[in-house]
C-alpha atoms as a PDB file:
ATOM      1  CA  UNK A   1       0.000   0.000   0.000  1.00  0.00           C
ATOM      2  CA  UNK A   2       1.010   3.589  -0.678  1.00  0.00           C
ATOM      3  CA  UNK A   3      -0.227   7.071   0.212  1.00  0.00           C
ATOM      4  CA  UNK A   4       0.172   8.907  -3.098  1.00  0.00           C
ATOM      5  CA  UNK A   5       2.688  11.330  -1.577  1.00  0.00           C
ATOM      6  CA  UNK A   6       5.663  11.280  -3.949  1.00  0.00           C
ATOM      7  CA  UNK A   7       8.978  11.013  -2.108  1.00  0.00           C
ATOM      8  CA  UNK A   8      11.275  11.834  -5.000  1.00  0.00           C
ATOM      9  CA  UNK A   9      11.608  11.719  -8.760  1.00  0.00           C
ATOM     10  CA  UNK A  10      14.028   9.507 -10.650  1.00  0.00           C
ATOM     11  CA  UNK A  11      14.534   8.332 -14.198  1.00  0.00           C
ATOM     12  CA  UNK A  12      14.695   5.234 -16.358  1.00  0.00           C
ATOM     13  CA  UNK A  13      18.306   4.268 -16.997  1.00  0.00           C
ATOM     14  CA  UNK A  14      17.835   1.025 -18.962  1.00  0.00           C
ATOM     15  CA  UNK A  15      15.118  -1.044 -20.645  1.00  0.00           C
ATOM     16  CA  UNK A  16      15.705  -4.643 -21.718  1.00  0.00           C
ATOM     17  CA  UNK A  17      13.127  -6.643 -23.645  1.00  0.00           C
ATOM     18  CA  UNK A  18      12.829 -10.230 -22.418  1.00  0.00           C
ATOM     19  CA  UNK A  19      10.500 -12.532 -24.389  1.00  0.00           C
ATOM     20  CA  UNK A  20       7.566 -10.120 -24.471  1.00  0.00           C
ATOM     21  CA  UNK A  21       8.190  -8.706 -21.023  1.00  0.00           C
ATOM     22  CA  UNK A  22      10.605  -5.943 -20.093  1.00  0.00           C
ATOM     23  CA  UNK A  23      13.208  -5.421 -17.406  1.00  0.00           C
ATOM     24  CA  UNK A  24      13.600  -1.802 -16.310  1.00  0.00           C
ATOM     25  CA  UNK A  25      16.430  -0.197 -14.377  1.00  0.00           C
ATOM     26  CA  UNK A  26      15.307   2.865 -12.411  1.00  0.00           C
ATOM     27  CA  UNK A  27      17.642   5.553 -11.143  1.00  0.00           C
ATOM     28  CA  UNK A  28      16.177   6.694  -7.820  1.00  0.00           C
ATOM     29  CA  UNK A  29      17.678  10.173  -7.554  1.00  0.00           C
ATOM     30  CA  UNK A  30      18.100  11.159  -3.914  1.00  0.00           C
ATOM     31  CA  UNK A  31      15.938   8.346  -2.488  1.00  0.00           C
ATOM     32  CA  UNK A  32      17.685   6.316   0.230  1.00  0.00           C
ATOM     33  CA  UNK A  33      17.314   2.626  -0.641  1.00  0.00           C
ATOM     34  CA  UNK A  34      19.177   1.285   2.398  1.00  0.00           C
ATOM     35  CA  UNK A  35      15.929   0.214   4.105  1.00  0.00           C
ATOM     36  CA  UNK A  36      14.710  -1.755   1.080  1.00  0.00           C
ATOM     37  CA  UNK A  37      15.571  -5.324   0.107  1.00  0.00           C
ATOM     38  CA  UNK A  38      14.978  -7.571  -2.887  1.00  0.00           C
ATOM     39  CA  UNK A  39      11.280  -8.486  -2.918  1.00  0.00           C
ATOM     40  CA  UNK A  40      10.091  -5.178  -1.494  1.00  0.00           C
ATOM     41  CA  UNK A  41       7.527  -3.029  -3.308  1.00  0.00           C
ATOM     42  CA  UNK A  42       7.985   0.464  -4.666  1.00  0.00           C
ATOM     43  CA  UNK A  43       5.563   2.601  -6.684  1.00  0.00           C
ATOM     44  CA  UNK A  44       6.820   3.984  -9.990  1.00  0.00           C
ATOM     45  CA  UNK A  45       4.380   6.423 -11.603  1.00  0.00           C
ATOM     46  CA  UNK A  46       1.726   4.846  -9.424  1.00  0.00           C
ATOM     47  CA  UNK A  47       2.395   1.232 -10.419  1.00  0.00           C
ATOM     48  CA  UNK A  48       3.481  -1.142  -7.654  1.00  0.00           C
ATOM     49  CA  UNK A  49       6.672  -2.909  -8.759  1.00  0.00           C
ATOM     50  CA  UNK A  50       8.816  -5.542  -7.059  1.00  0.00           C
ATOM     51  CA  UNK A  51      12.524  -4.916  -6.574  1.00  0.00           C
ATOM     52  CA  UNK A  52      14.561  -7.804  -8.001  1.00  0.00           C
ATOM     53  CA  UNK A  53      17.990  -6.154  -7.778  1.00  0.00           C
ATOM     54  CA  UNK A  54      19.257  -2.947  -6.229  1.00  0.00           C
ATOM     55  CA  UNK A  55      22.297  -0.889  -5.361  1.00  0.00           C
ATOM     56  CA  UNK A  56      22.684   2.455  -3.584  1.00  0.00           C
ATOM     57  CA  UNK A  57      21.168   4.547  -6.376  1.00  0.00           C
ATOM     58  CA  UNK A  58      18.997   2.292  -8.518  1.00  0.00           C
ATOM     59  CA  UNK A  59      16.809  -0.786  -8.619  1.00  0.00           C
ATOM     60  CA  UNK A  60      15.674  -3.297 -11.206  1.00  0.00           C
ATOM     61  CA  UNK A  61      12.106  -4.512 -11.778  1.00  0.00           C
ATOM     62  CA  UNK A  62      10.487  -6.895 -14.236  1.00  0.00           C
ATOM     63  CA  UNK A  63       7.313  -5.614 -15.902  1.00  0.00           C
ATOM     64  CA  UNK A  64       4.924  -8.234 -17.233  1.00  0.00           C
ATOM     65  CA  UNK A  65       3.161  -7.983 -20.556  1.00  0.00           C
ATOM     66  CA  UNK A  66      -0.067  -7.104 -18.713  1.00  0.00           C
ATOM     67  CA  UNK A  67       1.601  -4.271 -16.800  1.00  0.00           C
ATOM     68  CA  UNK A  68       3.044  -2.895 -20.037  1.00  0.00           C
ATOM     69  CA  UNK A  69      -0.394  -3.025 -21.692  1.00  0.00           C
ATOM     70  CA  UNK A  70      -2.327  -1.444 -18.804  1.00  0.00           C
ATOM     71  CA  UNK A  71       0.087   1.368 -17.939  1.00  0.00           C
ATOM     72  CA  UNK A  72       2.131   4.052 -19.670  1.00  0.00           C
ATOM     73  CA  UNK A  73       5.399   2.140 -19.303  1.00  0.00           C
ATOM     74  CA  UNK A  74       5.228   0.948 -22.908  1.00  0.00           C
ATOM     75  CA  UNK A  75       5.580   4.588 -24.025  1.00  0.00           C
ATOM     76  CA  UNK A  76       8.430   5.561 -21.696  1.00  0.00           C
ATOM     77  CA  UNK A  77      12.051   5.689 -22.820  1.00  0.00           C
ATOM     78  CA  UNK A  78      15.516   5.741 -21.334  1.00  0.00           C
ATOM     79  CA  UNK A  79      15.839   9.097 -19.609  1.00  0.00           C
ATOM     80  CA  UNK A  80      12.095   9.480 -18.906  1.00  0.00           C
ATOM     81  CA  UNK A  81      11.529  10.941 -15.453  1.00  0.00           C
ATOM     82  CA  UNK A  82       9.375   9.059 -12.957  1.00  0.00           C
ATOM     83  CA  UNK A  83       7.558   9.562  -9.645  1.00  0.00           C
ATOM     84  CA  UNK A  84       8.733   7.307  -6.800  1.00  0.00           C
ATOM     85  CA  UNK A  85       7.201   6.269  -3.483  1.00  0.00           C
ATOM     86  CA  UNK A  86       8.243   3.490  -1.111  1.00  0.00           C
ATOM     87  CA  UNK A  87       5.531   1.241   0.284  1.00  0.00           C
ATOM     88  CA  UNK A  88       4.026   2.694   3.441  1.00  0.00           C
ATOM     89  CA  UNK A  89       4.724   1.349   6.922  1.00  0.00           C
ATOM     90  CA  UNK A  90       1.938   0.814   9.470  1.00  0.00           C
ATOM     91  CA  UNK A  91       3.475   3.571  11.611  1.00  0.00           C
ATOM     92  CA  UNK A  92       3.356   6.148   8.774  1.00  0.00           C
ATOM     93  CA  UNK A  93       0.986   9.085   8.586  1.00  0.00           C
ATOM     94  CA  UNK A  94      -1.444   8.804   5.675  1.00  0.00           C
ATOM     95  CA  UNK A  95      -1.148  12.279   4.225  1.00  0.00           C
ATOM     96  CA  UNK A  96      -2.689  11.396   0.877  1.00  0.00           C
ATOM     97  CA  UNK A  97      -5.157   8.499   0.620  1.00  0.00           C
ATOM     98  CA  UNK A  98      -4.938   4.712   0.500  1.00  0.00           C
ATOM     99  CA  UNK A  99      -3.333   3.770  -2.825  1.00  0.00           C
ATOM    100  CA  UNK A 100      -2.859   0.156  -3.943  1.00  0.00           C
ATOM    101  CA  UNK A 101      -0.433   0.732  -6.795  1.00  0.00           C
ATOM    102  CA  UNK A 102      -2.744  -1.170  -9.163  1.00  0.00           C
ATOM    103  CA  UNK A 103      -3.370   1.026 -12.187  1.00  0.00           C
ATOM    104  CA  UNK A 104      -6.998   1.049 -13.374  1.00  0.00           C
ATOM    105  CA  UNK A 105      -6.443   2.708 -16.736  1.00  0.00           C
ATOM    106  CA  UNK A 106      -4.565   5.261 -18.788  1.00  0.00           C
ATOM    107  CA  UNK A 107      -5.664   8.878 -18.841  1.00  0.00           C
ATOM    108  CA  UNK A 108      -4.722  11.706 -21.174  1.00  0.00           C
ATOM    109  CA  UNK A 109      -3.966  15.336 -20.422  1.00  0.00           C
ATOM    110  CA  UNK A 110      -6.462  17.425 -22.408  1.00  0.00           C
ATOM    111  CA  UNK A 111      -5.250  20.854 -21.342  1.00  0.00           C
ATOM    112  CA  UNK A 112      -3.623  22.827 -18.561  1.00  0.00           C
ATOM    113  CA  UNK A 113      -4.324  26.392 -17.532  1.00  0.00           C
ATOM    114  CA  UNK A 114      -2.847  28.770 -15.004  1.00  0.00           C
ATOM    115  CA  UNK A 115      -5.124  29.225 -12.009  1.00  0.00           C
ATOM    116  CA  UNK A 116      -3.554  31.797  -9.655  1.00  0.00           C
ATOM    117  CA  UNK A 117      -0.294  30.143  -8.529  1.00  0.00           C
ATOM    118  CA  UNK A 118      -1.412  26.634  -9.395  1.00  0.00           C
ATOM    119  CA  UNK A 119      -2.032  24.853 -12.685  1.00  0.00           C
ATOM    120  CA  UNK A 120      -5.410  23.327 -13.426  1.00  0.00           C
ATOM    121  CA  UNK A 121      -5.179  20.134 -15.464  1.00  0.00           C
ATOM    122  CA  UNK A 122      -8.079  18.546 -17.321  1.00  0.00           C
ATOM    123  CA  UNK A 123      -7.640  14.806 -17.718  1.00  0.00           C
ATOM    124  CA  UNK A 124      -9.632  12.395 -19.876  1.00  0.00           C
ATOM    125  CA  UNK A 125     -10.103   8.851 -18.572  1.00  0.00           C
ATOM    126  CA  UNK A 126     -11.578   5.625 -19.992  1.00  0.00           C
ATOM    127  CA  UNK A 127     -15.381   5.837 -19.735  1.00  0.00           C
ATOM    128  CA  UNK A 128     -15.735   2.760 -17.446  1.00  0.00           C
ATOM    129  CA  UNK A 129     -13.782   4.610 -14.728  1.00  0.00           C
ATOM    130  CA  UNK A 130     -16.165   7.593 -14.662  1.00  0.00           C
ATOM    131  CA  UNK A 131     -18.458   6.062 -12.019  1.00  0.00           C
ATOM    132  CA  UNK A 132     -15.604   5.983  -9.488  1.00  0.00           C
ATOM    133  CA  UNK A 133     -14.939   9.722  -9.634  1.00  0.00           C
ATOM    134  CA  UNK A 134     -16.744  12.416  -7.661  1.00  0.00           C
ATOM    135  CA  UNK A 135     -16.208  16.088  -6.959  1.00  0.00           C
ATOM    136  CA  UNK A 136     -13.835  16.456  -3.981  1.00  0.00           C
ATOM    137  CA  UNK A 137     -13.117  12.733  -4.112  1.00  0.00           C
ATOM    138  CA  UNK A 138      -9.645  11.220  -4.450  1.00  0.00           C
ATOM    139  CA  UNK A 139      -7.802  10.004  -7.525  1.00  0.00           C
ATOM    140  CA  UNK A 140      -4.213   8.988  -8.195  1.00  0.00           C
ATOM    141  CA  UNK A 141      -2.430  10.309 -11.297  1.00  0.00           C
ATOM    142  CA  UNK A 142       0.996   8.774 -11.967  1.00  0.00           C
ATOM    143  CA  UNK A 143       1.135   7.923  -8.276  1.00  0.00           C
ATOM    144  CA  UNK A 144       0.169  11.394  -7.016  1.00  0.00           C
ATOM    145  CA  UNK A 145      -2.775  11.566  -4.608  1.00  0.00           C
ATOM    146  CA  UNK A 146      -5.072  14.372  -5.758  1.00  0.00           C
ATOM    147  CA  UNK A 147      -8.441  15.907  -4.931  1.00  0.00           C
ATOM    148  CA  UNK A 148     -10.863  16.146  -7.844  1.00  0.00           C
ATOM    149  CA  UNK A 149     -12.209  19.651  -8.569  1.00  0.00           C
ATOM    150  CA  UNK A 150     -14.840  18.854 -11.188  1.00  0.00           C
ATOM    151  CA  UNK A 151     -16.122  15.860 -13.130  1.00  0.00           C
ATOM    152  CA  UNK A 152     -17.758  16.143 -16.561  1.00  0.00           C
ATOM    153  CA  UNK A 153     -18.591  12.866 -18.303  1.00  0.00           C
ATOM    154  CA  UNK A 154     -15.218  11.103 -18.668  1.00  0.00           C
ATOM    155  CA  UNK A 155     -13.122  14.173 -17.828  1.00  0.00           C
ATOM    156  CA  UNK A 156     -12.029  15.607 -14.517  1.00  0.00           C
ATOM    157  CA  UNK A 157      -9.916  18.528 -13.327  1.00  0.00           C
ATOM    158  CA  UNK A 158      -7.317  18.844 -10.592  1.00  0.00           C
ATOM    159  CA  UNK A 159      -5.309  21.804  -9.370  1.00  0.00           C
ATOM    160  CA  UNK A 160      -1.576  21.249  -8.947  1.00  0.00           C
ATOM    161  CA  UNK A 161       0.054  23.591  -6.442  1.00  0.00           C
ATOM    162  CA  UNK A 162       3.643  24.868  -6.930  1.00  0.00           C
ATOM    163  CA  UNK A 163       5.074  22.377  -4.404  1.00  0.00           C
ATOM    164  CA  UNK A 164       3.572  19.399  -6.250  1.00  0.00           C
ATOM    165  CA  UNK A 165       4.761  20.791  -9.587  1.00  0.00           C
ATOM    166  CA  UNK A 166       8.326  21.022  -8.301  1.00  0.00           C
ATOM    167  CA  UNK A 167       8.368  17.637  -6.513  1.00  0.00           C
ATOM    168  CA  UNK A 168       6.736  15.467  -9.198  1.00  0.00           C
ATOM    169  CA  UNK A 169       6.797  15.036 -12.963  1.00  0.00           C
ATOM    170  CA  UNK A 170       3.586  17.064 -13.398  1.00  0.00           C
ATOM    171  CA  UNK A 171       5.752  19.969 -14.546  1.00  0.00           C
ATOM    172  CA  UNK A 172       6.627  17.942 -17.668  1.00  0.00           C
ATOM    173  CA  UNK A 173       3.046  17.175 -18.717  1.00  0.00           C
ATOM    174  CA  UNK A 174       1.676  18.723 -21.853  1.00  0.00           C
ATOM    175  CA  UNK A 175      -1.423  18.186 -23.986  1.00  0.00           C
ATOM    176  CA  UNK A 176      -1.819  14.484 -24.890  1.00  0.00           C
ATOM    177  CA  UNK A 177       0.617  13.262 -22.215  1.00  0.00           C
ATOM    178  CA  UNK A 178      -0.590   9.844 -21.077  1.00  0.00           C
ATOM    179  CA  UNK A 179      -0.804   9.158 -17.344  1.00  0.00           C
ATOM    180  CA  UNK A 180      -1.560   6.197 -15.090  1.00  0.00           C
ATOM    181  CA  UNK A 181      -4.894   6.462 -13.264  1.00  0.00           C
ATOM    182  CA  UNK A 182      -5.903   4.660 -10.072  1.00  0.00           C
ATOM    183  CA  UNK A 183      -9.395   5.332  -8.766  1.00  0.00           C
ATOM    184  CA  UNK A 184     -10.236   5.510  -5.076  1.00  0.00           C
ATOM    185  CA  UNK A 185     -10.159   2.073  -3.411  1.00  0.00           C
ATOM    186  CA  UNK A 186     -13.282   2.711  -1.346  1.00  0.00           C
ATOM    187  CA  UNK A 187     -15.279   3.758  -4.409  1.00  0.00           C
ATOM    188  CA  UNK A 188     -14.188   0.630  -6.261  1.00  0.00           C
ATOM    189  CA  UNK A 189     -15.153  -1.742  -3.450  1.00  0.00           C
ATOM    190  CA  UNK A 190     -18.457   0.019  -2.746  1.00  0.00           C
ATOM    191  CA  UNK A 191     -19.382  -0.395  -6.401  1.00  0.00           C
ATOM    192  CA  UNK A 192     -18.632  -4.122  -6.197  1.00  0.00           C
ATOM    193  CA  UNK A 193     -20.696  -4.546  -3.033  1.00  0.00           C
ATOM    194  CA  UNK A 194     -23.683  -2.545  -4.283  1.00  0.00           C
ATOM    195  CA  UNK A 195     -23.755  -4.141  -7.729  1.00  0.00           C
ATOM    196  CA  UNK A 196     -22.649  -7.638  -6.630  1.00  0.00           C
ATOM    197  CA  UNK A 197     -19.768  -7.571  -9.110  1.00  0.00           C
ATOM    198  CA  UNK A 198     -17.737 -10.065  -7.077  1.00  0.00           C
END
């Protein structure tokens, strides 16, 4: 589990294709990896990955064909910057919201506009995810926990404050940038309970 509070940004330093899957090497910037071991989880752009190798400044993860198809990783390249968050500990504060690291779909940046000192982003999502979004509800975009401003059909808006712009890869987004979307866990499970989709 994660909180959606990005701890640092890093970059992709290598991509190796392996029989339809891919092995990625992630440079972790200033993140301290000394408390992590092989087998631990870490969120990269909101996707929960398993560390299979690591050193002081990077780690390696295998991405399955399904992960590549359901996330934006298939479009990323060597040098692409990434959002990083270690898995939460039970003693941690939950400053964002409960995030599983299981991406529900790929969104697309439709536009961004200055809104006082923040930037308001409009993001398009796959239509089946619309029912999980509500005004002032939570959503995760590339691993960032955000509060929804408005929802209009399969589009929603969020305001990104200067701190979030400087500490995440939101500053690099432009029109048509694709992003990983995870809907709120509670909304997903409530829908299953109410509609008996289990």
